[in-house]
Each structure stands twice: as C-alpha cells, then as structure tokens.
Amino acid sequence: MWHSRTMIRRLVAGPLLVMVALCMLGGPAGAHGDKGLLAVDVAPPDAKGQAVVTARLAYANDGERVSGAQVEAAATGPGGATVAPVALAAGANGVYSGTLTLPAVGEWEVTVTAAAPSATGRVVVNVADGTTTSTAASGPASSAVSTTAKAKDSSSDSSSAFLTGVICILAIGGFSAWLVRRNVKRTNA
C-alpha cells in the first residue's frame, strides 16, 4: 500500500509541476515597466490664446494605454516667457486633455510630462497674428512626440489573463484526477 501511494504522488507531482511551469510562461500580469510614450497634439489657440492639449500615454514596453496617471502640460515662449504647468484631465483609454493659454504671438514649445510611467512629449506651436501651426519639436525628446504607441485595451488583456489562469487550473486538476484514477485502477487490478 505504501509503495502505490508513493508512486501515485510521484506520478501526479511531476506532470503537475510541468503544467504549472507552462502556465506561468506568460510572465507576470501587469508588468509594464516604468517608461512610457506620449503622443501629443495641440489644437490651434483660439482668439484668447487658449490651446487644447491632448496627450495619449502608453507603456513603452507593450503599448498598453495608461489610465489614471498624473500628466501635466507647460509651455515656454518668446523671450523666455513661461506658462505654469497645468494638470491634464484623464479621459478614456489613456487620453488626457486640458487647456493652456499662450498669451503672446510667437513660437511656443508645449511640454507634456507624466511621472509614472515616465514620459515627456514636446510640440512647437507658432502663434502669429491669429494663425497657428503645430510642428514636432526637434531634439532627442521629440521622438516621444512623433512615436505613436500601439495601444491595447487593458480590460481585454486582464480578462484574457484571468481566462487563461482558469483554463490552466482546470487542466491541471483534470489531469491530476485522471492520473490518480488510472493509478488506482492499476493497483486494484
């Protein structure tokens, strides 16, 4: 009797460990890293100099959009004039927006920053006699502006990870039950 129980435990434990290892190959859920990508758009300012800033924040390693982050926009203009940072309001699916007032005619560099994940995006806005244009800023930081992150819907990712976990647990349980029944039949025969 002792011999058959030990054999059953060994026969169940080996495949069970292999199945658990296979289920864990996907890596930890939600491991996004601390770097982000910001895609920034600035609408032409209205007659009062108010420009709507829209930013899309995503994790750099997997492109999944980030909701609930702290995102700010500020501007530097002609002659070193500055516009203090303004918090951008979080919208759906990693989109943030707010309004900056660009009080003078000239070239303004709008800088959008996020703390977690860390990301910076810059856009140059030219304000000239009621007409404006937006262009990407030059320099190494501008790569974050022109990069469009491939976004994923986080709700579908979490539900598919949950479903995969449930399937793995059911498969492991079913396989273990089958092994035990098979070995019990052999020892009784």
N, C-alpha and C. Protein backbone atom coordinates (compact mmCIF):
# COMPACT_ATOMS: atom_id res chain seq x y z
N MET A 1 0.82 -1.19 0.00
CA MET A 1 0.00 0.00 0.00
C MET A 1 0.87 1.27 0.00
N TRP A 2 1.93 1.30 0.81
CA TRP A 2 2.80 2.46 0.87
C TRP A 2 3.45 2.71 -0.48
N HIS A 3 3.87 1.63 -1.14
CA HIS A 3 4.53 1.75 -2.42
C HIS A 3 3.62 2.38 -3.46
N SER A 4 2.35 2.00 -3.51
CA SER A 4 1.44 2.53 -4.52
C SER A 4 1.10 4.00 -4.25
N ARG A 5 1.00 4.42 -2.99
CA ARG A 5 0.73 5.83 -2.70
C ARG A 5 1.92 6.70 -3.09
N THR A 6 3.12 6.23 -2.81
CA THR A 6 4.30 6.98 -3.18
C THR A 6 4.39 7.10 -4.69
N MET A 7 4.07 6.02 -5.39
CA MET A 7 4.10 6.04 -6.85
C MET A 7 3.07 7.02 -7.39
N ILE A 8 1.89 7.01 -6.80
CA ILE A 8 0.83 7.93 -7.26
C ILE A 8 1.27 9.37 -7.04
N ARG A 9 1.85 9.67 -5.89
CA ARG A 9 2.30 11.04 -5.61
C ARG A 9 3.36 11.47 -6.62
N ARG A 10 4.28 10.58 -6.92
CA ARG A 10 5.33 10.93 -7.88
C ARG A 10 4.76 11.11 -9.28
N LEU A 11 3.84 10.24 -9.65
CA LEU A 11 3.24 10.35 -10.98
C LEU A 11 2.40 11.61 -11.12
N VAL A 12 1.78 12.06 -10.05
CA VAL A 12 0.96 13.27 -10.10
C VAL A 12 1.84 14.51 -9.99
N ALA A 13 2.83 14.49 -9.11
CA ALA A 13 3.64 15.67 -8.85
C ALA A 13 4.46 16.10 -10.06
N GLY A 14 5.06 15.18 -10.78
CA GLY A 14 5.90 15.53 -11.93
C GLY A 14 5.13 16.27 -13.01
N PRO A 15 4.09 15.66 -13.57
CA PRO A 15 3.32 16.37 -14.61
C PRO A 15 2.64 17.63 -14.08
N LEU A 16 2.24 17.61 -12.82
CA LEU A 16 1.61 18.79 -12.24
C LEU A 16 2.58 19.97 -12.22
N LEU A 17 3.81 19.73 -11.84
CA LEU A 17 4.82 20.79 -11.84
C LEU A 17 5.11 21.29 -13.25
N VAL A 18 5.15 20.39 -14.21
CA VAL A 18 5.39 20.78 -15.60
C VAL A 18 4.24 21.67 -16.10
N MET A 19 3.00 21.31 -15.78
CA MET A 19 1.85 22.10 -16.22
C MET A 19 1.83 23.47 -15.56
N VAL A 20 2.18 23.54 -14.28
CA VAL A 20 2.24 24.83 -13.60
C VAL A 20 3.30 25.71 -14.25
N ALA A 21 4.46 25.13 -14.55
CA ALA A 21 5.53 25.90 -15.20
C ALA A 21 5.09 26.41 -16.57
N LEU A 22 4.38 25.60 -17.34
CA LEU A 22 3.90 26.02 -18.65
C LEU A 22 2.88 27.14 -18.53
N CYS A 23 2.03 27.09 -17.52
CA CYS A 23 1.03 28.13 -17.33
C CYS A 23 1.67 29.46 -16.93
N MET A 24 2.83 29.40 -16.33
CA MET A 24 3.48 30.62 -15.86
C MET A 24 4.42 31.22 -16.90
N LEU A 25 4.57 30.60 -18.06
CA LEU A 25 5.48 31.11 -19.08
C LEU A 25 5.09 32.49 -19.59
N GLY A 26 3.83 32.86 -19.48
CA GLY A 26 3.38 34.15 -19.97
C GLY A 26 3.97 35.32 -19.21
N GLY A 27 4.56 35.10 -18.06
CA GLY A 27 5.15 36.19 -17.29
C GLY A 27 4.12 36.80 -16.37
N PRO A 28 4.56 37.68 -15.50
CA PRO A 28 3.64 38.28 -14.56
C PRO A 28 2.68 39.24 -15.25
N ALA A 29 1.42 39.17 -14.87
CA ALA A 29 0.41 40.05 -15.44
C ALA A 29 0.65 41.47 -14.95
N GLY A 30 0.50 42.41 -15.81
CA GLY A 30 0.62 43.80 -15.42
C GLY A 30 2.04 44.31 -15.27
N ALA A 31 3.04 43.60 -15.74
CA ALA A 31 4.42 44.07 -15.62
C ALA A 31 4.73 44.98 -16.81
N HIS A 32 4.52 46.25 -16.64
CA HIS A 32 4.65 47.18 -17.75
C HIS A 32 5.98 47.91 -17.80
N GLY A 33 6.62 48.07 -16.68
CA GLY A 33 7.85 48.85 -16.65
C GLY A 33 7.57 50.29 -16.28
N ASP A 34 8.63 51.09 -16.18
CA ASP A 34 8.47 52.47 -15.71
C ASP A 34 8.65 53.52 -16.80
N LYS A 35 8.78 53.11 -18.04
CA LYS A 35 8.93 54.05 -19.15
C LYS A 35 7.66 54.09 -19.98
N GLY A 36 7.33 55.30 -20.43
CA GLY A 36 6.12 55.48 -21.22
C GLY A 36 6.39 56.22 -22.50
N LEU A 37 5.38 56.29 -23.34
CA LEU A 37 5.40 57.05 -24.59
C LEU A 37 4.24 58.03 -24.55
N LEU A 38 4.48 59.25 -24.96
CA LEU A 38 3.44 60.27 -25.05
C LEU A 38 3.29 60.73 -26.49
N ALA A 39 2.10 60.66 -27.02
CA ALA A 39 1.79 61.27 -28.31
C ALA A 39 1.01 62.53 -27.99
N VAL A 40 1.50 63.69 -28.43
CA VAL A 40 0.94 64.98 -28.04
C VAL A 40 0.40 65.71 -29.26
N ASP A 41 -0.80 66.29 -29.10
CA ASP A 41 -1.41 67.14 -30.12
C ASP A 41 -1.83 68.44 -29.44
N VAL A 42 -1.62 69.55 -30.11
CA VAL A 42 -2.07 70.84 -29.60
C VAL A 42 -2.93 71.48 -30.69
N ALA A 43 -4.18 71.77 -30.34
CA ALA A 43 -5.08 72.42 -31.28
C ALA A 43 -4.67 73.89 -31.40
N PRO A 44 -4.89 74.51 -32.55
CA PRO A 44 -4.57 75.93 -32.69
C PRO A 44 -5.31 76.76 -31.63
N PRO A 45 -4.59 77.71 -31.02
CA PRO A 45 -5.24 78.54 -30.00
C PRO A 45 -6.39 79.37 -30.58
N ASP A 46 -7.38 79.63 -29.73
CA ASP A 46 -8.48 80.48 -30.15
C ASP A 46 -8.05 81.95 -30.05
N ALA A 47 -8.99 82.87 -30.22
CA ALA A 47 -8.68 84.30 -30.20
C ALA A 47 -8.10 84.76 -28.87
N LYS A 48 -8.40 84.04 -27.77
CA LYS A 48 -7.89 84.39 -26.45
C LYS A 48 -6.55 83.71 -26.16
N GLY A 49 -6.02 82.94 -27.10
CA GLY A 49 -4.76 82.26 -26.91
C GLY A 49 -4.88 80.92 -26.20
N GLN A 50 -6.09 80.42 -26.04
CA GLN A 50 -6.29 79.14 -25.35
C GLN A 50 -6.17 77.99 -26.35
N ALA A 51 -5.25 77.07 -26.04
CA ALA A 51 -5.00 75.92 -26.91
C ALA A 51 -5.33 74.64 -26.15
N VAL A 52 -6.07 73.76 -26.78
CA VAL A 52 -6.40 72.48 -26.17
C VAL A 52 -5.26 71.50 -26.43
N VAL A 53 -4.72 70.94 -25.34
CA VAL A 53 -3.63 69.98 -25.41
C VAL A 53 -4.21 68.59 -25.18
N THR A 54 -3.91 67.67 -26.07
CA THR A 54 -4.36 66.28 -25.93
C THR A 54 -3.13 65.39 -25.96
N ALA A 55 -3.05 64.46 -25.00
CA ALA A 55 -1.91 63.54 -24.92
C ALA A 55 -2.43 62.12 -24.76
N ARG A 56 -1.77 61.19 -25.44
CA ARG A 56 -2.08 59.76 -25.29
C ARG A 56 -0.87 59.11 -24.66
N LEU A 57 -1.07 58.51 -23.48
CA LEU A 57 0.02 57.90 -22.72
C LEU A 57 -0.09 56.39 -22.79
N ALA A 58 1.05 55.74 -23.11
CA ALA A 58 1.09 54.28 -23.19
C ALA A 58 2.41 53.80 -22.59
N TYR A 59 2.42 52.55 -22.13
CA TYR A 59 3.66 51.95 -21.65
C TYR A 59 4.57 51.69 -22.84
N ALA A 60 5.86 51.97 -22.66
CA ALA A 60 6.81 51.82 -23.76
C ALA A 60 7.04 50.36 -24.15
N ASN A 61 6.99 49.44 -23.18
CA ASN A 61 7.36 48.06 -23.50
C ASN A 61 6.26 47.26 -24.18
N ASP A 62 4.98 47.63 -23.97
CA ASP A 62 3.93 46.83 -24.59
C ASP A 62 2.84 47.64 -25.27
N GLY A 63 2.92 48.98 -25.20
CA GLY A 63 1.95 49.81 -25.89
C GLY A 63 0.60 49.91 -25.23
N GLU A 64 0.41 49.29 -24.08
CA GLU A 64 -0.89 49.37 -23.42
C GLU A 64 -1.11 50.77 -22.90
N ARG A 65 -2.29 51.32 -23.15
CA ARG A 65 -2.61 52.67 -22.71
C ARG A 65 -2.65 52.75 -21.19
N VAL A 66 -2.28 53.92 -20.65
CA VAL A 66 -2.20 54.14 -19.20
C VAL A 66 -3.33 55.05 -18.77
N SER A 67 -4.15 54.58 -17.86
CA SER A 67 -5.21 55.39 -17.29
C SER A 67 -4.85 55.77 -15.86
N GLY A 68 -5.31 56.92 -15.41
CA GLY A 68 -5.12 57.32 -14.03
C GLY A 68 -3.75 57.87 -13.68
N ALA A 69 -2.96 58.26 -14.66
CA ALA A 69 -1.64 58.83 -14.41
C ALA A 69 -1.74 60.33 -14.16
N GLN A 70 -0.70 60.90 -13.58
CA GLN A 70 -0.62 62.35 -13.42
C GLN A 70 0.15 62.91 -14.61
N VAL A 71 -0.57 63.69 -15.43
CA VAL A 71 0.01 64.23 -16.65
C VAL A 71 -0.15 65.75 -16.61
N GLU A 72 0.94 66.47 -16.92
CA GLU A 72 0.93 67.93 -16.91
C GLU A 72 1.44 68.49 -18.22
N ALA A 73 0.96 69.71 -18.54
CA ALA A 73 1.44 70.42 -19.72
C ALA A 73 1.90 71.81 -19.29
N ALA A 74 3.00 72.27 -19.87
CA ALA A 74 3.53 73.61 -19.62
C ALA A 74 4.04 74.14 -20.96
N ALA A 75 4.37 75.42 -21.01
CA ALA A 75 4.86 75.99 -22.26
C ALA A 75 5.93 77.02 -21.99
N THR A 76 6.86 77.11 -22.95
CA THR A 76 7.90 78.14 -22.93
C THR A 76 7.79 78.88 -24.25
N GLY A 77 7.75 80.22 -24.18
CA GLY A 77 7.52 81.00 -25.39
C GLY A 77 8.58 82.02 -25.68
N PRO A 78 8.21 83.02 -26.49
CA PRO A 78 9.17 84.04 -26.93
C PRO A 78 9.76 84.80 -25.74
N GLY A 79 11.05 85.04 -25.83
CA GLY A 79 11.74 85.81 -24.80
C GLY A 79 11.79 85.11 -23.45
N GLY A 80 11.62 83.79 -23.42
CA GLY A 80 11.67 83.04 -22.17
C GLY A 80 10.39 83.06 -21.36
N ALA A 81 9.31 83.58 -21.94
CA ALA A 81 8.02 83.59 -21.25
C ALA A 81 7.59 82.15 -20.96
N THR A 82 6.96 81.93 -19.82
CA THR A 82 6.53 80.58 -19.46
C THR A 82 5.06 80.56 -19.07
N VAL A 83 4.46 79.42 -19.29
CA VAL A 83 3.11 79.14 -18.81
C VAL A 83 3.27 78.03 -17.79
N ALA A 84 2.78 78.26 -16.59
CA ALA A 84 2.92 77.30 -15.49
C ALA A 84 2.27 75.97 -15.85
N PRO A 85 2.78 74.87 -15.26
CA PRO A 85 2.19 73.56 -15.55
C PRO A 85 0.70 73.49 -15.19
N VAL A 86 -0.04 72.84 -16.07
CA VAL A 86 -1.48 72.63 -15.90
C VAL A 86 -1.72 71.12 -15.92
N ALA A 87 -2.45 70.63 -14.93
CA ALA A 87 -2.78 69.20 -14.91
C ALA A 87 -3.76 68.89 -16.03
N LEU A 88 -3.48 67.83 -16.76
CA LEU A 88 -4.40 67.39 -17.81
C LEU A 88 -5.37 66.38 -17.22
N ALA A 89 -6.63 66.51 -17.59
CA ALA A 89 -7.67 65.62 -17.07
C ALA A 89 -7.62 64.28 -17.79
N ALA A 90 -7.76 63.21 -17.01
CA ALA A 90 -7.75 61.85 -17.58
C ALA A 90 -9.08 61.58 -18.26
N GLY A 91 -8.99 61.08 -19.47
CA GLY A 91 -10.17 60.66 -20.20
C GLY A 91 -10.16 59.14 -20.34
N ALA A 92 -10.88 58.65 -21.31
CA ALA A 92 -10.95 57.21 -21.53
C ALA A 92 -9.72 56.70 -22.27
N ASN A 93 -9.31 55.50 -21.96
CA ASN A 93 -8.29 54.77 -22.71
C ASN A 93 -6.95 55.50 -22.84
N GLY A 94 -6.48 56.09 -21.72
CA GLY A 94 -5.15 56.70 -21.72
C GLY A 94 -5.05 58.04 -22.40
N VAL A 95 -6.17 58.72 -22.61
CA VAL A 95 -6.15 60.04 -23.24
C VAL A 95 -6.32 61.10 -22.15
N TYR A 96 -5.48 62.14 -22.21
CA TYR A 96 -5.50 63.23 -21.24
C TYR A 96 -5.65 64.53 -22.00
N SER A 97 -6.40 65.49 -21.44
CA SER A 97 -6.57 66.77 -22.14
C SER A 97 -6.74 67.91 -21.16
N GLY A 98 -6.40 69.09 -21.65
CA GLY A 98 -6.52 70.31 -20.86
C GLY A 98 -6.26 71.50 -21.75
N THR A 99 -6.36 72.69 -21.16
CA THR A 99 -6.21 73.92 -21.92
C THR A 99 -5.04 74.74 -21.38
N LEU A 100 -4.19 75.19 -22.28
CA LEU A 100 -3.09 76.11 -21.96
C LEU A 100 -3.40 77.45 -22.61
N THR A 101 -3.10 78.52 -21.92
CA THR A 101 -3.24 79.85 -22.50
C THR A 101 -1.86 80.33 -22.94
N LEU A 102 -1.71 80.54 -24.24
CA LEU A 102 -0.46 81.04 -24.82
C LEU A 102 -0.67 82.53 -25.07
N PRO A 103 -0.16 83.37 -24.17
CA PRO A 103 -0.56 84.77 -24.13
C PRO A 103 0.07 85.71 -25.17
N ALA A 104 1.04 85.25 -25.94
CA ALA A 104 1.71 86.17 -26.87
C ALA A 104 1.94 85.52 -28.22
N VAL A 105 2.09 86.35 -29.23
CA VAL A 105 2.42 85.89 -30.57
C VAL A 105 3.86 85.40 -30.57
N GLY A 106 4.13 84.32 -31.29
CA GLY A 106 5.48 83.78 -31.38
C GLY A 106 5.48 82.27 -31.30
N GLU A 107 6.69 81.71 -31.16
CA GLU A 107 6.86 80.26 -31.12
C GLU A 107 6.82 79.78 -29.66
N TRP A 108 5.96 78.82 -29.39
CA TRP A 108 5.80 78.25 -28.04
C TRP A 108 6.11 76.77 -28.09
N GLU A 109 6.94 76.31 -27.16
CA GLU A 109 7.19 74.87 -27.03
C GLU A 109 6.33 74.36 -25.89
N VAL A 110 5.38 73.49 -26.23
CA VAL A 110 4.49 72.88 -25.24
C VAL A 110 5.12 71.56 -24.82
N THR A 111 5.35 71.41 -23.51
CA THR A 111 5.96 70.18 -22.98
C THR A 111 4.94 69.47 -22.10
N VAL A 112 4.70 68.21 -22.40
CA VAL A 112 3.78 67.38 -21.61
C VAL A 112 4.62 66.32 -20.91
N THR A 113 4.40 66.16 -19.60
CA THR A 113 5.16 65.17 -18.83
C THR A 113 4.22 64.28 -18.03
N ALA A 114 4.65 63.04 -17.85
CA ALA A 114 3.97 62.07 -16.99
C ALA A 114 5.01 61.50 -16.06
N ALA A 115 4.62 61.26 -14.80
CA ALA A 115 5.57 60.76 -13.81
C ALA A 115 5.65 59.24 -13.80
N ALA A 116 4.53 58.57 -13.83
CA ALA A 116 4.53 57.11 -13.75
C ALA A 116 3.50 56.55 -14.72
N PRO A 117 3.92 56.00 -15.84
CA PRO A 117 5.30 55.80 -16.27
C PRO A 117 5.91 57.13 -16.73
N SER A 118 7.23 57.18 -16.67
CA SER A 118 7.96 58.38 -17.02
C SER A 118 7.94 58.60 -18.53
N ALA A 119 7.43 59.79 -18.93
CA ALA A 119 7.38 60.10 -20.36
C ALA A 119 7.34 61.61 -20.53
N THR A 120 7.92 62.08 -21.63
CA THR A 120 7.89 63.50 -21.98
C THR A 120 7.63 63.63 -23.46
N GLY A 121 6.75 64.55 -23.82
CA GLY A 121 6.48 64.84 -25.23
C GLY A 121 6.49 66.33 -25.43
N ARG A 122 6.97 66.78 -26.58
CA ARG A 122 7.06 68.21 -26.88
C ARG A 122 6.47 68.50 -28.26
N VAL A 123 5.80 69.66 -28.36
CA VAL A 123 5.26 70.12 -29.63
C VAL A 123 5.51 71.62 -29.70
N VAL A 124 5.92 72.11 -30.86
CA VAL A 124 6.10 73.55 -31.07
C VAL A 124 4.85 74.09 -31.73
N VAL A 125 4.32 75.18 -31.15
CA VAL A 125 3.13 75.85 -31.69
C VAL A 125 3.54 77.27 -32.05
N ASN A 126 3.29 77.65 -33.29
CA ASN A 126 3.59 79.01 -33.74
C ASN A 126 2.32 79.83 -33.70
N VAL A 127 2.32 80.88 -32.89
CA VAL A 127 1.18 81.77 -32.77
C VAL A 127 1.56 83.08 -33.46
N ALA A 128 0.90 83.37 -34.59
CA ALA A 128 1.25 84.57 -35.35
C ALA A 128 -0.01 85.25 -35.88
N ASP A 129 -0.34 86.37 -35.31
CA ASP A 129 -1.46 87.21 -35.78
C ASP A 129 -2.74 86.41 -36.04
N GLY A 130 -3.14 85.58 -35.09
CA GLY A 130 -4.39 84.84 -35.21
C GLY A 130 -4.28 83.55 -35.98
N THR A 131 -3.12 83.23 -36.57
CA THR A 131 -2.94 81.96 -37.27
C THR A 131 -1.91 81.14 -36.52
N THR A 132 -2.11 79.83 -36.47
CA THR A 132 -1.19 78.95 -35.75
C THR A 132 -0.89 77.71 -36.55
N THR A 133 0.27 77.16 -36.27
CA THR A 133 0.62 75.86 -36.83
C THR A 133 1.31 75.06 -35.74
N SER A 134 1.23 73.76 -35.80
CA SER A 134 1.91 72.88 -34.84
C SER A 134 2.91 72.02 -35.58
N THR A 135 4.11 71.91 -35.00
CA THR A 135 5.12 71.01 -35.56
C THR A 135 5.79 70.30 -34.41
N ALA A 136 6.36 69.14 -34.69
CA ALA A 136 7.08 68.40 -33.65
C ALA A 136 8.36 69.14 -33.31
N ALA A 137 8.71 69.16 -32.04
CA ALA A 137 9.94 69.81 -31.60
C ALA A 137 11.14 69.00 -32.05
N SER A 138 12.27 69.70 -32.23
CA SER A 138 13.48 68.98 -32.63
C SER A 138 14.23 68.51 -31.40
N GLY A 139 15.18 67.61 -31.60
CA GLY A 139 16.00 67.11 -30.49
C GLY A 139 15.59 65.72 -30.09
N PRO A 140 16.36 65.12 -29.15
CA PRO A 140 16.11 63.74 -28.79
C PRO A 140 14.75 63.50 -28.14
N ALA A 141 14.22 64.51 -27.43
CA ALA A 141 12.93 64.30 -26.76
C ALA A 141 11.78 64.23 -27.74
N SER A 142 11.97 64.76 -28.96
CA SER A 142 10.86 64.78 -29.91
C SER A 142 10.49 63.40 -30.41
N SER A 143 11.34 62.41 -30.21
CA SER A 143 11.00 61.06 -30.66
C SER A 143 9.77 60.54 -29.94
N ALA A 144 9.58 60.96 -28.69
CA ALA A 144 8.39 60.53 -27.95
C ALA A 144 7.15 61.15 -28.54
N VAL A 145 7.26 62.38 -29.11
CA VAL A 145 6.11 63.06 -29.69
C VAL A 145 5.65 62.37 -30.95
N SER A 146 6.61 62.06 -31.82
CA SER A 146 6.22 61.50 -33.11
C SER A 146 5.94 60.00 -33.04
N THR A 147 6.27 59.39 -31.93
CA THR A 147 6.01 57.96 -31.81
C THR A 147 4.56 57.75 -31.45
N THR A 148 3.87 56.98 -32.23
CA THR A 148 2.50 56.64 -31.90
C THR A 148 2.52 55.25 -31.29
N ALA A 149 2.14 55.17 -30.04
CA ALA A 149 2.15 53.89 -29.34
C ALA A 149 0.99 53.04 -29.82
N LYS A 150 1.27 51.79 -30.06
CA LYS A 150 0.22 50.86 -30.41
C LYS A 150 -0.52 50.50 -29.13
N ALA A 151 -1.74 50.94 -29.02
CA ALA A 151 -2.47 50.80 -27.76
C ALA A 151 -3.29 49.52 -27.74
N LYS A 152 -3.40 48.98 -26.54
CA LYS A 152 -4.22 47.80 -26.32
C LYS A 152 -5.30 48.17 -25.32
N ASP A 153 -6.42 47.51 -25.39
CA ASP A 153 -7.46 47.73 -24.41
C ASP A 153 -7.12 46.89 -23.19
N SER A 154 -6.86 47.55 -22.06
CA SER A 154 -6.41 46.84 -20.86
C SER A 154 -7.48 45.91 -20.30
N SER A 155 -8.76 46.22 -20.51
CA SER A 155 -9.80 45.35 -19.97
C SER A 155 -9.80 44.00 -20.67
N SER A 156 -9.52 43.96 -21.97
CA SER A 156 -9.48 42.67 -22.66
C SER A 156 -8.25 41.89 -22.25
N ASP A 157 -7.11 42.57 -21.95
CA ASP A 157 -5.91 41.88 -21.51
C ASP A 157 -6.13 41.21 -20.16
N SER A 158 -6.75 41.91 -19.22
CA SER A 158 -6.94 41.34 -17.88
C SER A 158 -7.95 40.21 -17.92
N SER A 159 -9.00 40.31 -18.75
CA SER A 159 -9.97 39.22 -18.81
C SER A 159 -9.38 38.00 -19.51
N SER A 160 -8.52 38.20 -20.51
CA SER A 160 -7.91 37.04 -21.16
C SER A 160 -6.89 36.38 -20.24
N ALA A 161 -6.18 37.17 -19.41
CA ALA A 161 -5.24 36.59 -18.45
C ALA A 161 -6.01 35.77 -17.41
N PHE A 162 -7.13 36.27 -16.96
CA PHE A 162 -7.96 35.55 -15.99
C PHE A 162 -8.47 34.25 -16.60
N LEU A 163 -8.96 34.32 -17.83
CA LEU A 163 -9.47 33.13 -18.50
C LEU A 163 -8.37 32.09 -18.69
N THR A 164 -7.16 32.53 -19.06
CA THR A 164 -6.03 31.62 -19.22
C THR A 164 -5.71 30.93 -17.90
N GLY A 165 -5.73 31.69 -16.79
CA GLY A 165 -5.48 31.11 -15.47
C GLY A 165 -6.51 30.07 -15.10
N VAL A 166 -7.79 30.36 -15.35
CA VAL A 166 -8.85 29.40 -15.04
C VAL A 166 -8.68 28.13 -15.87
N ILE A 167 -8.37 28.28 -17.14
CA ILE A 167 -8.18 27.11 -18.01
C ILE A 167 -7.01 26.27 -17.52
N CYS A 168 -5.92 26.91 -17.12
CA CYS A 168 -4.75 26.18 -16.60
C CYS A 168 -5.10 25.41 -15.34
N ILE A 169 -5.81 26.04 -14.43
CA ILE A 169 -6.19 25.37 -13.19
C ILE A 169 -7.10 24.17 -13.47
N LEU A 170 -8.08 24.35 -14.35
CA LEU A 170 -8.96 23.24 -14.70
C LEU A 170 -8.20 22.11 -15.39
N ALA A 171 -7.26 22.46 -16.26
CA ALA A 171 -6.47 21.44 -16.95
C ALA A 171 -5.60 20.67 -15.97
N ILE A 172 -4.97 21.37 -15.04
CA ILE A 172 -4.13 20.71 -14.05
C ILE A 172 -4.97 19.81 -13.16
N GLY A 173 -6.11 20.31 -12.71
CA GLY A 173 -6.99 19.49 -11.87
C GLY A 173 -7.51 18.27 -12.59
N GLY A 174 -7.94 18.44 -13.83
CA GLY A 174 -8.44 17.31 -14.60
C GLY A 174 -7.37 16.27 -14.88
N PHE A 175 -6.17 16.74 -15.23
CA PHE A 175 -5.07 15.83 -15.49
C PHE A 175 -4.69 15.06 -14.23
N SER A 176 -4.65 15.75 -13.10
CA SER A 176 -4.30 15.09 -11.83
C SER A 176 -5.34 14.05 -11.46
N ALA A 177 -6.62 14.39 -11.61
CA ALA A 177 -7.69 13.43 -11.30
C ALA A 177 -7.59 12.21 -12.20
N TRP A 178 -7.31 12.42 -13.47
CA TRP A 178 -7.19 11.30 -14.40
C TRP A 178 -6.03 10.39 -14.00
N LEU A 179 -4.88 10.98 -13.64
CA LEU A 179 -3.73 10.18 -13.23
C LEU A 179 -4.04 9.35 -11.98
N VAL A 180 -4.68 9.96 -11.01
CA VAL A 180 -5.00 9.25 -9.78
C VAL A 180 -5.95 8.09 -10.08
N ARG A 181 -6.99 8.33 -10.85
CA ARG A 181 -7.94 7.26 -11.18
C ARG A 181 -7.27 6.14 -11.95
N ARG A 182 -6.41 6.50 -12.89
CA ARG A 182 -5.72 5.49 -13.68
C ARG A 182 -4.83 4.63 -12.77
N ASN A 183 -4.09 5.26 -11.87
CA ASN A 183 -3.19 4.51 -11.00
C ASN A 183 -3.94 3.69 -9.95
N VAL A 184 -5.09 4.20 -9.50
CA VAL A 184 -5.88 3.43 -8.54
C VAL A 184 -6.41 2.16 -9.22
N LYS A 185 -6.86 2.28 -10.47
CA LYS A 185 -7.35 1.12 -11.20
C LYS A 185 -6.25 0.09 -11.38
N ARG A 186 -5.02 0.54 -11.65
CA ARG A 186 -3.89 -0.38 -11.85
C ARG A 186 -3.54 -1.10 -10.54
N THR A 187 -3.59 -0.39 -9.42
CA THR A 187 -3.21 -1.03 -8.15
C THR A 187 -4.31 -1.97 -7.66
N ASN A 188 -5.55 -1.74 -8.03
CA ASN A 188 -6.65 -2.62 -7.63
C ASN A 188 -6.74 -3.86 -8.51
N ALA A 189 -6.17 -3.78 -9.67
CA ALA A 189 -6.28 -4.91 -10.60
C ALA A 189 -5.34 -6.04 -10.24
